[in-house]
């Protein structure tokens, strides 16, 4: 449940500023937050997956292999999918306990 809360509270990359896309990939505070999520839940496959995805997208944006907007789109899709998957799993586990 803690990991779900982390996923739901994590700010998405898909914010727009007046001048363009907000680049959280270069934000050291966001990087530190993800390192903490991983340290707090080192065996959670969902956190590991999102951490690796974020790191890979950051690297690809920095190297010019992927445009920031595309990286944001990929992150938003996978982040939402992962959060929904976790919520569904936890809901299903709760139902099984009730039966």
C-alpha atoms as a PDB file:
ATOM      1  CA  UNK A   1       0.000   0.000   0.000  1.00  0.00           C
ATOM      2  CA  UNK A   2       2.904   2.355   0.740  1.00  0.00           C
ATOM      3  CA  UNK A   3       4.230   1.923  -2.792  1.00  0.00           C
ATOM      4  CA  UNK A   4       0.802   2.704  -4.222  1.00  0.00           C
ATOM      5  CA  UNK A   5       0.692   5.892  -2.198  1.00  0.00           C
ATOM      6  CA  UNK A   6       4.132   6.826  -3.498  1.00  0.00           C
ATOM      7  CA  UNK A   7       3.017   6.214  -7.063  1.00  0.00           C
ATOM      8  CA  UNK A   8      -0.162   8.205  -6.680  1.00  0.00           C
ATOM      9  CA  UNK A   9       1.573  11.155  -5.009  1.00  0.00           C
ATOM     10  CA  UNK A  10       4.529  11.310  -7.371  1.00  0.00           C
ATOM     11  CA  UNK A  11       4.218  14.339  -9.566  1.00  0.00           C
ATOM     12  CA  UNK A  12       3.888  13.448 -13.193  1.00  0.00           C
ATOM     13  CA  UNK A  13       6.343  14.854 -15.711  1.00  0.00           C
ATOM     14  CA  UNK A  14       3.495  16.030 -17.838  1.00  0.00           C
ATOM     15  CA  UNK A  15       3.317  19.615 -16.572  1.00  0.00           C
ATOM     16  CA  UNK A  16       3.626  22.535 -18.946  1.00  0.00           C
ATOM     17  CA  UNK A  17       5.180  25.833 -18.019  1.00  0.00           C
ATOM     18  CA  UNK A  18       4.679  29.110 -19.846  1.00  0.00           C
ATOM     19  CA  UNK A  19       7.953  28.632 -21.737  1.00  0.00           C
ATOM     20  CA  UNK A  20       7.470  24.933 -22.553  1.00  0.00           C
ATOM     21  CA  UNK A  21       7.752  21.512 -20.975  1.00  0.00           C
ATOM     22  CA  UNK A  22       8.994  21.263 -17.400  1.00  0.00           C
ATOM     23  CA  UNK A  23      12.079  19.041 -17.383  1.00  0.00           C
ATOM     24  CA  UNK A  24      12.046  17.051 -14.137  1.00  0.00           C
ATOM     25  CA  UNK A  25      14.763  14.805 -15.547  1.00  0.00           C
ATOM     26  CA  UNK A  26      17.359  17.417 -14.578  1.00  0.00           C
ATOM     27  CA  UNK A  27      15.850  18.064 -11.131  1.00  0.00           C
ATOM     28  CA  UNK A  28      18.223  16.682  -8.451  1.00  0.00           C
ATOM     29  CA  UNK A  29      15.398  16.701  -5.881  1.00  0.00           C
ATOM     30  CA  UNK A  30      13.270  14.405  -8.079  1.00  0.00           C
ATOM     31  CA  UNK A  31      16.261  12.109  -8.610  1.00  0.00           C
ATOM     32  CA  UNK A  32      16.807  11.988  -4.841  1.00  0.00           C
ATOM     33  CA  UNK A  33      13.111  11.198  -4.293  1.00  0.00           C
ATOM     34  CA  UNK A  34      13.340   8.221  -6.653  1.00  0.00           C
ATOM     35  CA  UNK A  35      16.500   6.993  -4.957  1.00  0.00           C
ATOM     36  CA  UNK A  36      14.635   7.161  -1.633  1.00  0.00           C
ATOM     37  CA  UNK A  37      11.624   5.273  -3.066  1.00  0.00           C
ATOM     38  CA  UNK A  38      14.001   2.549  -4.209  1.00  0.00           C
ATOM     39  CA  UNK A  39      15.824   2.470  -0.860  1.00  0.00           C
ATOM     40  CA  UNK A  40      12.510   2.286   1.043  1.00  0.00           C
ATOM     41  CA  UNK A  41      11.112  -0.530  -1.117  1.00  0.00           C
ATOM     42  CA  UNK A  42      14.113  -2.292  -2.710  1.00  0.00           C
ATOM     43  CA  UNK A  43      12.199  -5.464  -3.567  1.00  0.00           C
ATOM     44  CA  UNK A  44       9.103  -3.827  -5.067  1.00  0.00           C
ATOM     45  CA  UNK A  45       9.157  -4.724  -8.767  1.00  0.00           C
ATOM     46  CA  UNK A  46       6.959  -1.769  -9.664  1.00  0.00           C
ATOM     47  CA  UNK A  47       9.256   0.785  -8.015  1.00  0.00           C
ATOM     48  CA  UNK A  48      12.292  -0.901  -9.573  1.00  0.00           C
ATOM     49  CA  UNK A  49      10.684  -0.805 -13.021  1.00  0.00           C
ATOM     50  CA  UNK A  50       9.700   2.848 -12.766  1.00  0.00           C
ATOM     51  CA  UNK A  51      13.111   3.777 -11.351  1.00  0.00           C
ATOM     52  CA  UNK A  52      14.893   2.082 -14.247  1.00  0.00           C
ATOM     53  CA  UNK A  53      12.494   3.611 -16.784  1.00  0.00           C
ATOM     54  CA  UNK A  54      13.075   7.076 -15.350  1.00  0.00           C
ATOM     55  CA  UNK A  55      16.853   6.634 -15.332  1.00  0.00           C
ATOM     56  CA  UNK A  56      16.835   5.360 -18.907  1.00  0.00           C
ATOM     57  CA  UNK A  57      14.615   8.154 -20.155  1.00  0.00           C
ATOM     58  CA  UNK A  58      16.769  10.747 -18.375  1.00  0.00           C
ATOM     59  CA  UNK A  59      19.875   9.369 -20.050  1.00  0.00           C
ATOM     60  CA  UNK A  60      18.232   9.275 -23.465  1.00  0.00           C
ATOM     61  CA  UNK A  61      16.978  12.861 -23.145  1.00  0.00           C
ATOM     62  CA  UNK A  62      20.439  14.024 -22.028  1.00  0.00           C
ATOM     63  CA  UNK A  63      22.070  12.270 -24.991  1.00  0.00           C
ATOM     64  CA  UNK A  64      19.537  13.678 -27.455  1.00  0.00           C
ATOM     65  CA  UNK A  65      18.222  10.228 -28.399  1.00  0.00           C
ATOM     66  CA  UNK A  66      14.673  11.081 -27.332  1.00  0.00           C
ATOM     67  CA  UNK A  67      12.920  14.441 -27.282  1.00  0.00           C
ATOM     68  CA  UNK A  68      11.746  15.615 -23.878  1.00  0.00           C
ATOM     69  CA  UNK A  69       8.100  15.624 -24.964  1.00  0.00           C
ATOM     70  CA  UNK A  70       8.326  11.980 -26.083  1.00  0.00           C
ATOM     71  CA  UNK A  71      10.037  10.959 -22.846  1.00  0.00           C
ATOM     72  CA  UNK A  72       7.280  12.691 -20.886  1.00  0.00           C
ATOM     73  CA  UNK A  73       4.620  10.905 -22.939  1.00  0.00           C
ATOM     74  CA  UNK A  74       6.281   7.522 -22.355  1.00  0.00           C
ATOM     75  CA  UNK A  75       6.664   8.215 -18.617  1.00  0.00           C
ATOM     76  CA  UNK A  76       3.055   9.341 -18.224  1.00  0.00           C
ATOM     77  CA  UNK A  77       1.712   6.240 -19.968  1.00  0.00           C
ATOM     78  CA  UNK A  78       3.873   3.801 -17.981  1.00  0.00           C
ATOM     79  CA  UNK A  79       3.396   5.639 -14.690  1.00  0.00           C
ATOM     80  CA  UNK A  80      -0.411   5.592 -15.064  1.00  0.00           C
ATOM     81  CA  UNK A  81      -0.403   1.966 -16.224  1.00  0.00           C
ATOM     82  CA  UNK A  82       1.746   0.922 -13.285  1.00  0.00           C
ATOM     83  CA  UNK A  83      -0.375   2.790 -10.750  1.00  0.00           C
ATOM     84  CA  UNK A  84      -3.549   1.244 -12.184  1.00  0.00           C
ATOM     85  CA  UNK A  85      -1.990  -2.217 -12.186  1.00  0.00           C
ATOM     86  CA  UNK A  86      -0.944  -1.858  -8.537  1.00  0.00           C
ATOM     87  CA  UNK A  87      -4.378  -0.590  -7.532  1.00  0.00           C
ATOM     88  CA  UNK A  88      -6.074  -3.487  -9.331  1.00  0.00           C
ATOM     89  CA  UNK A  89      -3.713  -6.025  -7.721  1.00  0.00           C
ATOM     90  CA  UNK A  90      -4.334  -4.630  -4.250  1.00  0.00           C
ATOM     91  CA  UNK A  91      -8.087  -4.512  -4.847  1.00  0.00           C
ATOM     92  CA  UNK A  92      -8.078  -8.131  -6.004  1.00  0.00           C
ATOM     93  CA  UNK A  93      -6.042  -9.206  -2.980  1.00  0.00           C
ATOM     94  CA  UNK A  94      -8.523  -7.450  -0.708  1.00  0.00           C
ATOM     95  CA  UNK A  95     -11.440  -9.265  -2.326  1.00  0.00           C
ATOM     96  CA  UNK A  96      -9.763 -12.644  -1.911  1.00  0.00           C
ATOM     97  CA  UNK A  97      -9.304 -11.968   1.788  1.00  0.00           C
ATOM     98  CA  UNK A  98     -13.018 -11.226   2.131  1.00  0.00           C
ATOM     99  CA  UNK A  99     -14.083 -14.506   0.510  1.00  0.00           C
END
